[in-house]
Amino acid sequence: MTIVRHESSEILSDVVEANGFVFTAGVVADDPSEDAKGQTEQILKEIDRLLGLCGTDKSKIVSATIWVTDIRNRDQVNVAWRAWTGGKDLPARACVEAKLADPRLLVEIAVIAVK
């Protein structure tokens, strides 16, 4: 089995291809000054880019994990999520309240897709 790692740092790779699957690391917003909806939109744009590096796209996502610092932000996340997915090709998904590494960050998302 071949494993291809993209955009690696000292502690992680932003996206990894293995056995026909694509795994993203947890993606957070570049601009944490935005609200949960704005941060989610930034994250989803980055997920599009990462999946594109691996020759796949959001229609091939099979699983998504979303972490929010306050579960009450889930509604804002869902507004951005629905706009991004268009309500089709929906993956299995979990949305969990959790503390994130930077207190300005409100949302983090990781996905698994197929090629």
C-alpha atoms as a PDB file:
ATOM      1  CA  MET A   1       0.000   0.000   0.000  1.00  0.00           C
ATOM      2  CA  THR A   2       1.286   3.421  -0.957  1.00  0.00           C
ATOM      3  CA  ILE A   3       0.854   6.339   1.453  1.00  0.00           C
ATOM      4  CA  VAL A   4       1.202   9.889   0.164  1.00  0.00           C
ATOM      5  CA  ARG A   5       1.474  12.742   2.659  1.00  0.00           C
ATOM      6  CA  HIS A   6       0.867  16.349   1.598  1.00  0.00           C
ATOM      7  CA  GLU A   7       1.928  19.576   3.297  1.00  0.00           C
ATOM      8  CA  SER A   8       3.713  17.916   6.199  1.00  0.00           C
ATOM      9  CA  SER A   9       5.137  19.759   9.189  1.00  0.00           C
ATOM     10  CA  GLU A  10       7.049  18.599  12.246  1.00  0.00           C
ATOM     11  CA  ILE A  11       3.869  17.204  13.834  1.00  0.00           C
ATOM     12  CA  LEU A  12       1.372  16.329  11.095  1.00  0.00           C
ATOM     13  CA  SER A  13       0.432  16.210   7.444  1.00  0.00           C
ATOM     14  CA  ASP A  14      -2.484  18.368   6.342  1.00  0.00           C
ATOM     15  CA  VAL A  15      -3.838  15.575   4.153  1.00  0.00           C
ATOM     16  CA  VAL A  16      -2.867  11.925   3.615  1.00  0.00           C
ATOM     17  CA  GLU A  17      -3.776   9.494   0.827  1.00  0.00           C
ATOM     18  CA  ALA A  18      -3.827   5.763   1.620  1.00  0.00           C
ATOM     19  CA  ASN A  19      -5.522   2.754   0.048  1.00  0.00           C
ATOM     20  CA  GLY A  20      -7.955   4.866  -1.991  1.00  0.00           C
ATOM     21  CA  PHE A  21      -8.916   7.068   0.954  1.00  0.00           C
ATOM     22  CA  VAL A  22      -8.063  10.689   1.714  1.00  0.00           C
ATOM     23  CA  PHE A  23      -7.800  11.861   5.329  1.00  0.00           C
ATOM     24  CA  THR A  24      -7.551  15.506   6.329  1.00  0.00           C
ATOM     25  CA  ALA A  25      -6.131  16.709   9.586  1.00  0.00           C
ATOM     26  CA  GLY A  26      -8.418  18.893  11.662  1.00  0.00           C
ATOM     27  CA  VAL A  27      -8.834  22.111   9.680  1.00  0.00           C
ATOM     28  CA  VAL A  28      -9.362  25.442  11.429  1.00  0.00           C
ATOM     29  CA  ALA A  29      -9.996  28.964  10.163  1.00  0.00           C
ATOM     30  CA  ASP A  30      -7.108  31.188   9.081  1.00  0.00           C
ATOM     31  CA  ASP A  31      -8.992  34.247  10.363  1.00  0.00           C
ATOM     32  CA  PRO A  32     -10.382  33.511  13.837  1.00  0.00           C
ATOM     33  CA  SER A  33     -11.987  36.969  14.096  1.00  0.00           C
ATOM     34  CA  GLU A  34     -15.066  35.698  12.236  1.00  0.00           C
ATOM     35  CA  ASP A  35     -18.111  34.052  13.843  1.00  0.00           C
ATOM     36  CA  ALA A  36     -18.745  30.305  13.674  1.00  0.00           C
ATOM     37  CA  LYS A  37     -20.421  30.539  10.257  1.00  0.00           C
ATOM     38  CA  GLY A  38     -17.534  32.562   8.814  1.00  0.00           C
ATOM     39  CA  GLN A  39     -14.926  30.245  10.300  1.00  0.00           C
ATOM     40  CA  THR A  40     -16.796  27.231   8.910  1.00  0.00           C
ATOM     41  CA  GLU A  41     -16.874  28.789   5.441  1.00  0.00           C
ATOM     42  CA  GLN A  42     -13.090  29.316   5.611  1.00  0.00           C
ATOM     43  CA  ILE A  43     -12.580  25.719   6.747  1.00  0.00           C
ATOM     44  CA  LEU A  44     -14.758  24.263   3.992  1.00  0.00           C
ATOM     45  CA  LYS A  45     -12.860  26.263   1.360  1.00  0.00           C
ATOM     46  CA  GLU A  46      -9.606  24.798   2.706  1.00  0.00           C
ATOM     47  CA  ILE A  47     -11.078  21.288   2.696  1.00  0.00           C
ATOM     48  CA  ASP A  48     -11.974  21.795  -0.974  1.00  0.00           C
ATOM     49  CA  ARG A  49      -8.345  22.740  -1.651  1.00  0.00           C
ATOM     50  CA  LEU A  50      -6.909  19.790   0.282  1.00  0.00           C
ATOM     51  CA  LEU A  51      -9.198  17.283  -1.407  1.00  0.00           C
ATOM     52  CA  GLY A  52      -8.267  18.778  -4.774  1.00  0.00           C
ATOM     53  CA  LEU A  53      -4.579  18.125  -4.047  1.00  0.00           C
ATOM     54  CA  CYS A  54      -5.505  14.447  -3.876  1.00  0.00           C
ATOM     55  CA  GLY A  55      -7.707  14.371  -6.961  1.00  0.00           C
ATOM     56  CA  THR A  56     -11.034  14.146  -5.157  1.00  0.00           C
ATOM     57  CA  ASP A  57     -13.764  16.492  -3.975  1.00  0.00           C
ATOM     58  CA  LYS A  58     -16.494  17.030  -1.391  1.00  0.00           C
ATOM     59  CA  SER A  59     -18.925  14.716  -3.222  1.00  0.00           C
ATOM     60  CA  LYS A  60     -16.643  11.832  -2.228  1.00  0.00           C
ATOM     61  CA  ILE A  61     -16.540  12.603   1.523  1.00  0.00           C
ATOM     62  CA  VAL A  62     -17.735   9.583   3.483  1.00  0.00           C
ATOM     63  CA  SER A  63     -17.221  10.895   7.025  1.00  0.00           C
ATOM     64  CA  ALA A  64     -16.868  14.271   8.723  1.00  0.00           C
ATOM     65  CA  THR A  65     -16.085  15.142  12.320  1.00  0.00           C
ATOM     66  CA  ILE A  66     -16.872  18.653  13.480  1.00  0.00           C
ATOM     67  CA  TRP A  67     -15.714  20.099  16.779  1.00  0.00           C
ATOM     68  CA  VAL A  68     -17.344  23.277  18.100  1.00  0.00           C
ATOM     69  CA  THR A  69     -16.302  25.108  21.248  1.00  0.00           C
ATOM     70  CA  ASP A  70     -19.944  25.766  22.093  1.00  0.00           C
ATOM     71  CA  ILE A  71     -22.644  23.392  20.833  1.00  0.00           C
ATOM     72  CA  ARG A  72     -24.930  26.407  20.435  1.00  0.00           C
ATOM     73  CA  ASN A  73     -22.730  27.366  17.440  1.00  0.00           C
ATOM     74  CA  ARG A  74     -23.868  24.224  15.639  1.00  0.00           C
ATOM     75  CA  ASP A  75     -26.700  26.119  13.944  1.00  0.00           C
ATOM     76  CA  GLN A  76     -24.239  28.612  12.382  1.00  0.00           C
ATOM     77  CA  VAL A  77     -21.997  25.737  11.297  1.00  0.00           C
ATOM     78  CA  ASN A  78     -24.986  23.988   9.718  1.00  0.00           C
ATOM     79  CA  VAL A  79     -25.896  27.085   7.674  1.00  0.00           C
ATOM     80  CA  ALA A  80     -22.429  27.064   6.082  1.00  0.00           C
ATOM     81  CA  TRP A  81     -22.438  23.258   5.783  1.00  0.00           C
ATOM     82  CA  ARG A  82     -25.804  23.180   3.961  1.00  0.00           C
ATOM     83  CA  ALA A  83     -24.694  25.913   1.560  1.00  0.00           C
ATOM     84  CA  TRP A  84     -21.451  24.026   0.845  1.00  0.00           C
ATOM     85  CA  THR A  85     -22.998  20.587   0.336  1.00  0.00           C
ATOM     86  CA  GLY A  86     -26.143  21.756  -1.405  1.00  0.00           C
ATOM     87  CA  GLY A  87     -27.925  19.012   0.534  1.00  0.00           C
ATOM     88  CA  LYS A  88     -26.516  16.187  -1.583  1.00  0.00           C
ATOM     89  CA  ASP A  89     -23.747  13.590  -1.333  1.00  0.00           C
ATOM     90  CA  LEU A  90     -23.930  13.952   2.453  1.00  0.00           C
ATOM     91  CA  PRO A  91     -21.387  12.015   4.535  1.00  0.00           C
ATOM     92  CA  ALA A  92     -21.825  10.400   7.911  1.00  0.00           C
ATOM     93  CA  ARG A  93     -21.145  13.202  10.375  1.00  0.00           C
ATOM     94  CA  ALA A  94     -20.517  13.884  14.040  1.00  0.00           C
ATOM     95  CA  CYS A  95     -20.621  17.288  15.725  1.00  0.00           C
ATOM     96  CA  VAL A  96     -19.047  17.435  19.176  1.00  0.00           C
ATOM     97  CA  GLU A  97     -18.468  20.221  21.683  1.00  0.00           C
ATOM     98  CA  ALA A  98     -14.775  20.455  22.594  1.00  0.00           C
ATOM     99  CA  LYS A  99     -12.155  22.922  23.717  1.00  0.00           C
ATOM    100  CA  LEU A 100      -9.806  23.842  20.852  1.00  0.00           C
ATOM    101  CA  ALA A 101      -6.105  24.737  21.113  1.00  0.00           C
ATOM    102  CA  ASP A 102      -6.644  28.455  20.409  1.00  0.00           C
ATOM    103  CA  PRO A 103      -9.553  30.058  22.298  1.00  0.00           C
ATOM    104  CA  ARG A 104     -10.329  32.304  19.290  1.00  0.00           C
ATOM    105  CA  LEU A 105     -11.127  29.253  17.173  1.00  0.00           C
ATOM    106  CA  LEU A 106     -14.767  28.172  17.268  1.00  0.00           C
ATOM    107  CA  VAL A 107     -14.811  25.278  14.790  1.00  0.00           C
ATOM    108  CA  GLU A 108     -12.516  22.494  13.579  1.00  0.00           C
ATOM    109  CA  ILE A 109     -13.407  19.948  10.890  1.00  0.00           C
ATOM    110  CA  ALA A 110     -11.725  16.751   9.670  1.00  0.00           C
ATOM    111  CA  VAL A 111     -13.003  14.625   6.790  1.00  0.00           C
ATOM    112  CA  ILE A 112     -12.376  11.276   5.185  1.00  0.00           C
ATOM    113  CA  ALA A 113     -13.039  10.931   1.459  1.00  0.00           C
ATOM    114  CA  VAL A 114     -12.518   8.355  -1.243  1.00  0.00           C
ATOM    115  CA  LYS A 115     -10.564   8.997  -4.438  1.00  0.00           C
END
